[in-house]
Amino acid sequence: MATKFKMGMIRGFLPLCAILLVACETPSTAPPPPFTPVGDVQQLMEMVIDPAADIVWEAVGTIVTFDGTEEIFPRSDEEWSTVRNSAMVLAESGNLLMVGDRAKGEGPWMIMSQALVEAGMVALEAAEAQDPEAIFGVGEQIYNACETCHMLYWYTEEDAVIR
């Protein structure tokens, strides 16, 4: 009886194994999903990247007045979630800058876009750890990724190093 059961199990798995083997060996002929950019680089900066960066930059700080010192940092899970979400937006926005017509060649643009991805990932880790000091520290990394790109591609046509 045990032998009969084993043979039945094997027969039941044979069709599944055949399907898996064929699926693994047959290259997909389906076209990749369409990518349809909605916004250009300027719109991404104004509507997505800059607001997300502002949330991270403004999440942590110190205000010193004659009346005393105020430490600013997220105090609830909801506030930390807002910082975390903005960090994710920054990381993914770096990827969006490298796709389609938004990409400005293979050199500095890609390096600086990747720098934004990496800064966003560091901010994401800091927000998930609810670490105010790490959020404060990554602010500089985000700023440098943005400012380096702006110096090369944005400020004015006369001042731009790469057009």
N, C-alpha and C. Protein backbone atom coordinates (compact mmCIF):
# COMPACT_ATOMS: atom_id res chain seq x y z
N MET A 1 0.81 -1.18 0.00
CA MET A 1 0.00 0.00 0.00
C MET A 1 0.87 1.26 0.00
N ALA A 2 1.97 1.26 0.75
CA ALA A 2 2.86 2.40 0.78
C ALA A 2 3.45 2.65 -0.60
N THR A 3 3.77 1.59 -1.32
CA THR A 3 4.33 1.72 -2.66
C THR A 3 3.31 2.32 -3.60
N LYS A 4 2.05 1.88 -3.49
CA LYS A 4 0.99 2.42 -4.32
C LYS A 4 0.83 3.93 -4.08
N PHE A 5 0.88 4.35 -2.81
CA PHE A 5 0.73 5.76 -2.46
C PHE A 5 1.87 6.57 -3.06
N LYS A 6 3.10 6.06 -2.93
CA LYS A 6 4.27 6.78 -3.46
C LYS A 6 4.17 6.91 -4.96
N MET A 7 3.74 5.84 -5.67
CA MET A 7 3.62 5.89 -7.12
C MET A 7 2.55 6.91 -7.52
N GLY A 8 1.45 6.96 -6.76
CA GLY A 8 0.39 7.93 -7.04
C GLY A 8 0.87 9.36 -6.86
N MET A 9 1.68 9.59 -5.82
CA MET A 9 2.24 10.92 -5.57
C MET A 9 3.16 11.33 -6.71
N ILE A 10 4.00 10.39 -7.15
CA ILE A 10 4.94 10.69 -8.23
C ILE A 10 4.18 11.04 -9.50
N ARG A 11 3.17 10.24 -9.82
CA ARG A 11 2.37 10.51 -11.03
C ARG A 11 1.68 11.87 -10.93
N GLY A 12 1.26 12.24 -9.74
CA GLY A 12 0.59 13.53 -9.56
C GLY A 12 1.55 14.71 -9.74
N PHE A 13 2.81 14.53 -9.38
CA PHE A 13 3.79 15.60 -9.49
C PHE A 13 4.42 15.70 -10.87
N LEU A 14 4.36 14.66 -11.68
CA LEU A 14 4.99 14.70 -13.00
C LEU A 14 4.47 15.83 -13.88
N PRO A 15 3.16 16.02 -14.00
CA PRO A 15 2.70 17.14 -14.83
C PRO A 15 3.17 18.50 -14.30
N LEU A 16 3.16 18.67 -12.99
CA LEU A 16 3.61 19.92 -12.39
C LEU A 16 5.09 20.15 -12.69
N CYS A 17 5.90 19.11 -12.57
CA CYS A 17 7.33 19.21 -12.86
C CYS A 17 7.55 19.58 -14.32
N ALA A 18 6.80 18.97 -15.20
CA ALA A 18 6.94 19.27 -16.63
C ALA A 18 6.60 20.73 -16.92
N ILE A 19 5.55 21.23 -16.31
CA ILE A 19 5.16 22.63 -16.52
C ILE A 19 6.25 23.57 -16.00
N LEU A 20 6.79 23.28 -14.84
CA LEU A 20 7.83 24.12 -14.26
C LEU A 20 9.09 24.11 -15.11
N LEU A 21 9.46 22.96 -15.63
CA LEU A 21 10.64 22.87 -16.48
C LEU A 21 10.46 23.67 -17.76
N VAL A 22 9.32 23.55 -18.38
CA VAL A 22 9.05 24.29 -19.61
C VAL A 22 9.03 25.79 -19.32
N ALA A 23 8.41 26.19 -18.23
CA ALA A 23 8.33 27.61 -17.88
C ALA A 23 9.71 28.19 -17.61
N CYS A 24 10.58 27.41 -17.01
CA CYS A 24 11.92 27.89 -16.70
C CYS A 24 12.80 27.98 -17.94
N GLU A 25 12.56 27.14 -18.91
CA GLU A 25 13.41 27.09 -20.08
C GLU A 25 12.92 27.96 -21.22
N THR A 26 11.66 28.34 -21.23
CA THR A 26 11.11 29.11 -22.33
C THR A 26 11.26 30.60 -22.03
N PRO A 27 12.01 31.32 -22.89
CA PRO A 27 12.14 32.75 -22.65
C PRO A 27 10.80 33.45 -22.90
N SER A 28 10.55 34.47 -22.15
CA SER A 28 9.31 35.20 -22.29
C SER A 28 9.35 36.02 -23.57
N THR A 29 8.30 35.96 -24.34
CA THR A 29 8.21 36.75 -25.55
C THR A 29 7.30 37.96 -25.34
N ALA A 30 6.77 38.08 -24.16
CA ALA A 30 5.89 39.21 -23.86
C ALA A 30 6.71 40.48 -23.78
N PRO A 31 6.20 41.59 -24.32
CA PRO A 31 6.94 42.85 -24.22
C PRO A 31 6.95 43.32 -22.78
N PRO A 32 7.96 44.11 -22.43
CA PRO A 32 7.99 44.63 -21.06
C PRO A 32 6.79 45.55 -20.85
N PRO A 33 6.38 45.71 -19.61
CA PRO A 33 5.24 46.60 -19.36
C PRO A 33 5.58 48.02 -19.83
N PRO A 34 4.60 48.75 -20.29
CA PRO A 34 4.88 50.10 -20.78
C PRO A 34 5.27 51.03 -19.64
N PHE A 35 6.19 51.92 -19.92
CA PHE A 35 6.59 52.93 -18.96
C PHE A 35 6.15 54.26 -19.53
N THR A 36 5.28 54.95 -18.84
CA THR A 36 4.75 56.22 -19.32
C THR A 36 5.05 57.30 -18.29
N PRO A 37 6.15 58.04 -18.47
CA PRO A 37 6.44 59.13 -17.54
C PRO A 37 5.31 60.15 -17.58
N VAL A 38 4.93 60.63 -16.43
CA VAL A 38 3.85 61.60 -16.34
C VAL A 38 4.42 63.00 -16.19
N GLY A 39 5.43 63.14 -15.34
CA GLY A 39 6.01 64.45 -15.10
C GLY A 39 7.43 64.53 -15.63
N ASP A 40 7.85 65.75 -15.95
CA ASP A 40 9.23 65.95 -16.36
C ASP A 40 10.09 66.16 -15.11
N VAL A 41 11.37 66.41 -15.30
CA VAL A 41 12.29 66.55 -14.17
C VAL A 41 11.88 67.71 -13.28
N GLN A 42 11.54 68.85 -13.86
CA GLN A 42 11.16 70.01 -13.05
C GLN A 42 9.92 69.71 -12.21
N GLN A 43 8.94 69.05 -12.80
CA GLN A 43 7.74 68.70 -12.04
C GLN A 43 8.05 67.71 -10.92
N LEU A 44 8.91 66.74 -11.19
CA LEU A 44 9.32 65.81 -10.13
C LEU A 44 9.98 66.56 -8.99
N MET A 45 10.85 67.51 -9.33
CA MET A 45 11.54 68.28 -8.30
C MET A 45 10.54 69.07 -7.46
N GLU A 46 9.64 69.81 -8.13
CA GLU A 46 8.71 70.69 -7.43
C GLU A 46 7.65 69.94 -6.63
N MET A 47 7.13 68.85 -7.21
CA MET A 47 5.96 68.20 -6.61
C MET A 47 6.27 66.97 -5.78
N VAL A 48 7.45 66.39 -5.98
CA VAL A 48 7.75 65.13 -5.31
C VAL A 48 9.02 65.23 -4.46
N ILE A 49 10.14 65.55 -5.10
CA ILE A 49 11.44 65.49 -4.41
C ILE A 49 11.60 66.58 -3.37
N ASP A 50 11.34 67.84 -3.75
CA ASP A 50 11.54 68.94 -2.80
C ASP A 50 10.63 68.82 -1.58
N PRO A 51 9.34 68.53 -1.75
CA PRO A 51 8.51 68.37 -0.54
C PRO A 51 8.98 67.22 0.36
N ALA A 52 9.42 66.12 -0.24
CA ALA A 52 9.90 64.99 0.57
C ALA A 52 11.18 65.36 1.31
N ALA A 53 12.09 66.05 0.62
CA ALA A 53 13.34 66.48 1.26
C ALA A 53 13.04 67.45 2.41
N ASP A 54 12.11 68.37 2.18
CA ASP A 54 11.76 69.33 3.24
C ASP A 54 11.26 68.62 4.49
N ILE A 55 10.47 67.58 4.33
CA ILE A 55 9.97 66.84 5.50
C ILE A 55 11.12 66.23 6.28
N VAL A 56 12.08 65.64 5.58
CA VAL A 56 13.23 65.02 6.26
C VAL A 56 14.07 66.11 6.92
N TRP A 57 14.37 67.20 6.18
CA TRP A 57 15.20 68.27 6.74
C TRP A 57 14.55 68.93 7.94
N GLU A 58 13.25 69.10 7.92
CA GLU A 58 12.56 69.82 8.99
C GLU A 58 12.15 68.91 10.16
N ALA A 59 12.40 67.63 10.05
CA ALA A 59 11.98 66.68 11.08
C ALA A 59 12.79 66.79 12.36
N VAL A 60 14.03 67.22 12.24
CA VAL A 60 14.92 67.25 13.41
C VAL A 60 15.68 68.58 13.42
N GLY A 61 15.79 69.18 14.59
CA GLY A 61 16.54 70.42 14.71
C GLY A 61 16.54 70.91 16.14
N THR A 62 17.23 72.02 16.31
CA THR A 62 17.31 72.65 17.63
C THR A 62 17.07 74.14 17.44
N ILE A 63 16.20 74.70 18.26
CA ILE A 63 15.96 76.14 18.26
C ILE A 63 16.43 76.67 19.61
N VAL A 64 17.36 77.63 19.56
CA VAL A 64 17.90 78.23 20.78
C VAL A 64 17.47 79.69 20.82
N THR A 65 16.79 80.06 21.89
CA THR A 65 16.38 81.45 22.09
C THR A 65 16.80 81.88 23.51
N PHE A 66 16.53 83.14 23.84
CA PHE A 66 16.81 83.61 25.20
C PHE A 66 15.97 82.87 26.23
N ASP A 67 14.83 82.35 25.79
CA ASP A 67 13.93 81.64 26.70
C ASP A 67 14.33 80.18 26.91
N GLY A 68 15.22 79.68 26.10
CA GLY A 68 15.63 78.29 26.26
C GLY A 68 15.88 77.59 24.94
N THR A 69 16.02 76.29 25.03
CA THR A 69 16.31 75.46 23.87
C THR A 69 15.15 74.51 23.61
N GLU A 70 14.78 74.42 22.34
CA GLU A 70 13.71 73.50 21.95
C GLU A 70 14.29 72.47 20.97
N GLU A 71 14.16 71.22 21.32
CA GLU A 71 14.60 70.13 20.44
C GLU A 71 13.42 69.69 19.59
N ILE A 72 13.62 69.66 18.29
CA ILE A 72 12.57 69.24 17.37
C ILE A 72 12.92 67.86 16.84
N PHE A 73 11.99 66.94 16.97
CA PHE A 73 12.14 65.59 16.41
C PHE A 73 10.78 64.92 16.44
N PRO A 74 10.56 63.93 15.59
CA PRO A 74 9.27 63.24 15.61
C PRO A 74 9.02 62.61 16.97
N ARG A 75 7.81 62.76 17.48
CA ARG A 75 7.50 62.28 18.82
C ARG A 75 6.49 61.14 18.83
N SER A 76 5.93 60.83 17.70
CA SER A 76 4.93 59.75 17.65
C SER A 76 5.24 58.82 16.48
N ASP A 77 4.65 57.66 16.51
CA ASP A 77 4.82 56.72 15.39
C ASP A 77 4.31 57.33 14.09
N GLU A 78 3.24 58.10 14.18
CA GLU A 78 2.69 58.75 12.98
C GLU A 78 3.68 59.76 12.39
N GLU A 79 4.32 60.57 13.25
CA GLU A 79 5.31 61.52 12.77
C GLU A 79 6.52 60.81 12.16
N TRP A 80 6.97 59.73 12.80
CA TRP A 80 8.07 58.95 12.25
C TRP A 80 7.67 58.32 10.91
N SER A 81 6.43 57.92 10.80
CA SER A 81 5.94 57.34 9.55
C SER A 81 5.99 58.36 8.42
N THR A 82 5.67 59.59 8.71
CA THR A 82 5.75 60.66 7.71
C THR A 82 7.18 60.84 7.23
N VAL A 83 8.14 60.82 8.15
CA VAL A 83 9.55 60.95 7.78
C VAL A 83 9.99 59.73 6.97
N ARG A 84 9.58 58.55 7.42
CA ARG A 84 9.92 57.31 6.71
C ARG A 84 9.38 57.34 5.29
N ASN A 85 8.13 57.73 5.11
CA ASN A 85 7.52 57.77 3.79
C ASN A 85 8.24 58.76 2.88
N SER A 86 8.64 59.89 3.42
CA SER A 86 9.36 60.88 2.62
C SER A 86 10.74 60.37 2.23
N ALA A 87 11.38 59.65 3.12
CA ALA A 87 12.68 59.06 2.80
C ALA A 87 12.54 58.06 1.64
N MET A 88 11.48 57.26 1.68
CA MET A 88 11.23 56.31 0.59
C MET A 88 10.98 57.05 -0.72
N VAL A 89 10.24 58.14 -0.66
CA VAL A 89 9.98 58.94 -1.86
C VAL A 89 11.29 59.45 -2.44
N LEU A 90 12.20 59.92 -1.59
CA LEU A 90 13.49 60.40 -2.08
C LEU A 90 14.28 59.28 -2.76
N ALA A 91 14.33 58.13 -2.13
CA ALA A 91 15.07 57.01 -2.70
C ALA A 91 14.49 56.61 -4.06
N GLU A 92 13.20 56.46 -4.13
CA GLU A 92 12.57 56.06 -5.39
C GLU A 92 12.63 57.17 -6.43
N SER A 93 12.64 58.41 -6.01
CA SER A 93 12.74 59.51 -6.96
C SER A 93 14.09 59.51 -7.67
N GLY A 94 15.13 59.13 -6.95
CA GLY A 94 16.43 58.98 -7.61
C GLY A 94 16.34 58.00 -8.75
N ASN A 95 15.62 56.91 -8.54
CA ASN A 95 15.42 55.94 -9.61
C ASN A 95 14.63 56.55 -10.77
N LEU A 96 13.60 57.31 -10.46
CA LEU A 96 12.79 57.94 -11.52
C LEU A 96 13.61 58.89 -12.37
N LEU A 97 14.61 59.52 -11.77
CA LEU A 97 15.46 60.45 -12.52
C LEU A 97 16.37 59.73 -13.51
N MET A 98 16.50 58.43 -13.37
CA MET A 98 17.38 57.66 -14.25
C MET A 98 16.63 56.96 -15.38
N VAL A 99 15.34 57.23 -15.52
CA VAL A 99 14.52 56.48 -16.46
C VAL A 99 14.03 57.38 -17.60
N GLY A 100 14.08 56.83 -18.81
CA GLY A 100 13.50 57.49 -19.97
C GLY A 100 14.14 58.82 -20.30
N ASP A 101 13.30 59.74 -20.75
CA ASP A 101 13.79 61.05 -21.18
C ASP A 101 14.31 61.90 -20.03
N ARG A 102 14.03 61.49 -18.80
CA ARG A 102 14.52 62.26 -17.66
C ARG A 102 16.03 62.12 -17.51
N ALA A 103 16.57 60.97 -17.89
CA ALA A 103 18.01 60.72 -17.75
C ALA A 103 18.77 61.63 -18.70
N LYS A 104 19.79 62.25 -18.19
CA LYS A 104 20.60 63.18 -18.98
C LYS A 104 21.97 62.55 -19.25
N GLY A 105 21.99 61.43 -19.93
CA GLY A 105 23.25 60.76 -20.23
C GLY A 105 23.62 59.74 -19.19
N GLU A 106 24.75 59.12 -19.39
CA GLU A 106 25.19 58.03 -18.52
C GLU A 106 26.16 58.47 -17.43
N GLY A 107 26.70 59.65 -17.49
CA GLY A 107 27.75 60.06 -16.56
C GLY A 107 27.26 60.66 -15.27
N PRO A 108 27.54 61.95 -15.06
CA PRO A 108 27.24 62.60 -13.78
C PRO A 108 25.77 62.50 -13.37
N TRP A 109 24.86 62.61 -14.31
CA TRP A 109 23.43 62.55 -13.97
C TRP A 109 23.11 61.25 -13.24
N MET A 110 23.60 60.15 -13.78
CA MET A 110 23.32 58.85 -13.17
C MET A 110 23.98 58.72 -11.80
N ILE A 111 25.19 59.23 -11.69
CA ILE A 111 25.91 59.17 -10.41
C ILE A 111 25.15 59.98 -9.35
N MET A 112 24.70 61.17 -9.72
CA MET A 112 23.99 62.01 -8.75
C MET A 112 22.60 61.46 -8.43
N SER A 113 21.95 60.88 -9.43
CA SER A 113 20.64 60.24 -9.16
C SER A 113 20.82 59.08 -8.21
N GLN A 114 21.88 58.30 -8.41
CA GLN A 114 22.15 57.18 -7.50
C GLN A 114 22.49 57.69 -6.10
N ALA A 115 23.16 58.85 -6.03
CA ALA A 115 23.45 59.44 -4.72
C ALA A 115 22.16 59.78 -3.98
N LEU A 116 21.14 60.23 -4.72
CA LEU A 116 19.85 60.50 -4.09
C LEU A 116 19.20 59.22 -3.61
N VAL A 117 19.29 58.16 -4.40
CA VAL A 117 18.76 56.85 -3.98
C VAL A 117 19.43 56.44 -2.66
N GLU A 118 20.75 56.52 -2.62
CA GLU A 118 21.49 56.09 -1.43
C GLU A 118 21.17 56.96 -0.22
N ALA A 119 21.07 58.27 -0.41
CA ALA A 119 20.72 59.15 0.71
C ALA A 119 19.32 58.84 1.22
N GLY A 120 18.41 58.60 0.31
CA GLY A 120 17.05 58.24 0.71
C GLY A 120 17.01 56.94 1.49
N MET A 121 17.84 55.97 1.08
CA MET A 121 17.88 54.70 1.80
C MET A 121 18.45 54.87 3.21
N VAL A 122 19.47 55.72 3.36
CA VAL A 122 20.02 55.99 4.69
C VAL A 122 18.96 56.68 5.55
N ALA A 123 18.24 57.63 4.97
CA ALA A 123 17.17 58.31 5.71
C ALA A 123 16.07 57.32 6.09
N LEU A 124 15.76 56.41 5.20
CA LEU A 124 14.74 55.40 5.48
C LEU A 124 15.14 54.53 6.67
N GLU A 125 16.39 54.08 6.68
CA GLU A 125 16.88 53.27 7.80
C GLU A 125 16.83 54.06 9.11
N ALA A 126 17.22 55.34 9.04
CA ALA A 126 17.22 56.18 10.25
C ALA A 126 15.79 56.39 10.76
N ALA A 127 14.85 56.59 9.85
CA ALA A 127 13.46 56.79 10.26
C ALA A 127 12.88 55.51 10.84
N GLU A 128 13.20 54.38 10.23
CA GLU A 128 12.70 53.12 10.75
C GLU A 128 13.27 52.82 12.14
N ALA A 129 14.50 53.28 12.38
CA ALA A 129 15.12 53.11 13.70
C ALA A 129 14.68 54.21 14.68
N GLN A 130 13.91 55.18 14.17
CA GLN A 130 13.47 56.34 14.96
C GLN A 130 14.67 57.00 15.65
N ASP A 131 15.69 57.31 14.83
CA ASP A 131 16.95 57.85 15.31
C ASP A 131 17.09 59.31 14.86
N PRO A 132 16.76 60.27 15.73
CA PRO A 132 16.83 61.69 15.35
C PRO A 132 18.22 62.14 14.91
N GLU A 133 19.26 61.67 15.59
CA GLU A 133 20.62 62.06 15.22
C GLU A 133 20.98 61.59 13.82
N ALA A 134 20.56 60.38 13.46
CA ALA A 134 20.83 59.86 12.13
C ALA A 134 20.04 60.63 11.07
N ILE A 135 18.81 61.02 11.39
CA ILE A 135 18.02 61.84 10.46
C ILE A 135 18.72 63.17 10.25
N PHE A 136 19.18 63.79 11.32
CA PHE A 136 19.89 65.06 11.21
C PHE A 136 21.14 64.89 10.33
N GLY A 137 21.87 63.82 10.56
CA GLY A 137 23.10 63.59 9.80
C GLY A 137 22.87 63.33 8.32
N VAL A 138 21.83 62.60 7.98
CA VAL A 138 21.58 62.28 6.58
C VAL A 138 21.07 63.51 5.82
N GLY A 139 20.60 64.51 6.55
CA GLY A 139 20.17 65.74 5.88
C GLY A 139 21.26 66.32 5.01
N GLU A 140 22.49 66.27 5.49
CA GLU A 140 23.63 66.77 4.71
C GLU A 140 23.85 65.93 3.45
N GLN A 141 23.71 64.62 3.58
CA GLN A 141 23.88 63.74 2.43
C GLN A 141 22.82 64.02 1.36
N ILE A 142 21.60 64.24 1.79
CA ILE A 142 20.52 64.58 0.85
C ILE A 142 20.81 65.93 0.20
N TYR A 143 21.20 66.90 1.00
CA TYR A 143 21.51 68.23 0.48
C TYR A 143 22.63 68.16 -0.55
N ASN A 144 23.69 67.43 -0.26
CA ASN A 144 24.81 67.33 -1.19
C ASN A 144 24.40 66.65 -2.50
N ALA A 145 23.57 65.62 -2.42
CA ALA A 145 23.11 64.97 -3.65
C ALA A 145 22.32 65.96 -4.50
N CYS A 146 21.46 66.73 -3.86
CA CYS A 146 20.64 67.71 -4.59
C CYS A 146 21.49 68.86 -5.13
N GLU A 147 22.28 69.45 -4.27
CA GLU A 147 23.03 70.65 -4.65
C GLU A 147 24.06 70.37 -5.74
N THR A 148 24.73 69.25 -5.68
CA THR A 148 25.70 68.90 -6.72
C THR A 148 25.02 68.83 -8.08
N CYS A 149 23.86 68.22 -8.13
CA CYS A 149 23.11 68.12 -9.38
C CYS A 149 22.64 69.50 -9.83
N HIS A 150 22.14 70.30 -8.91
CA HIS A 150 21.65 71.63 -9.26
C HIS A 150 22.77 72.48 -9.84
N MET A 151 23.97 72.39 -9.28
CA MET A 151 25.10 73.17 -9.79
C MET A 151 25.42 72.80 -11.23
N LEU A 152 25.29 71.53 -11.57
CA LEU A 152 25.62 71.10 -12.92
C LEU A 152 24.49 71.30 -13.92
N TYR A 153 23.25 71.16 -13.49
CA TYR A 153 22.16 71.09 -14.45
C TYR A 153 21.08 72.15 -14.33
N TRP A 154 21.03 72.91 -13.25
CA TRP A 154 19.82 73.68 -13.07
C TRP A 154 19.99 75.18 -12.98
N TYR A 155 20.83 75.71 -12.15
CA TYR A 155 20.74 77.11 -11.75
C TYR A 155 20.46 78.07 -12.89
N THR A 156 21.34 78.21 -13.85
CA THR A 156 21.07 79.01 -15.05
C THR A 156 21.81 78.37 -16.20
N GLU A 157 21.36 78.66 -17.39
CA GLU A 157 22.03 78.10 -18.57
C GLU A 157 23.50 78.56 -18.62
N GLU A 158 23.75 79.84 -18.29
CA GLU A 158 25.13 80.33 -18.34
C GLU A 158 26.01 79.65 -17.29
N ASP A 159 25.42 79.39 -16.12
CA ASP A 159 26.19 78.81 -15.01
C ASP A 159 26.30 77.30 -15.08
N ALA A 160 25.42 76.65 -15.83
CA ALA A 160 25.42 75.19 -15.87
C ALA A 160 26.70 74.67 -16.49
N VAL A 161 27.31 73.70 -15.87
CA VAL A 161 28.51 73.08 -16.39
C VAL A 161 28.13 72.14 -17.54
N ILE A 162 27.05 71.43 -17.40
CA ILE A 162 26.57 70.49 -18.42
C ILE A 162 25.19 70.94 -18.85
N ARG A 163 25.00 71.06 -20.13
CA ARG A 163 23.68 71.50 -20.64
C ARG A 163 22.93 70.37 -21.23
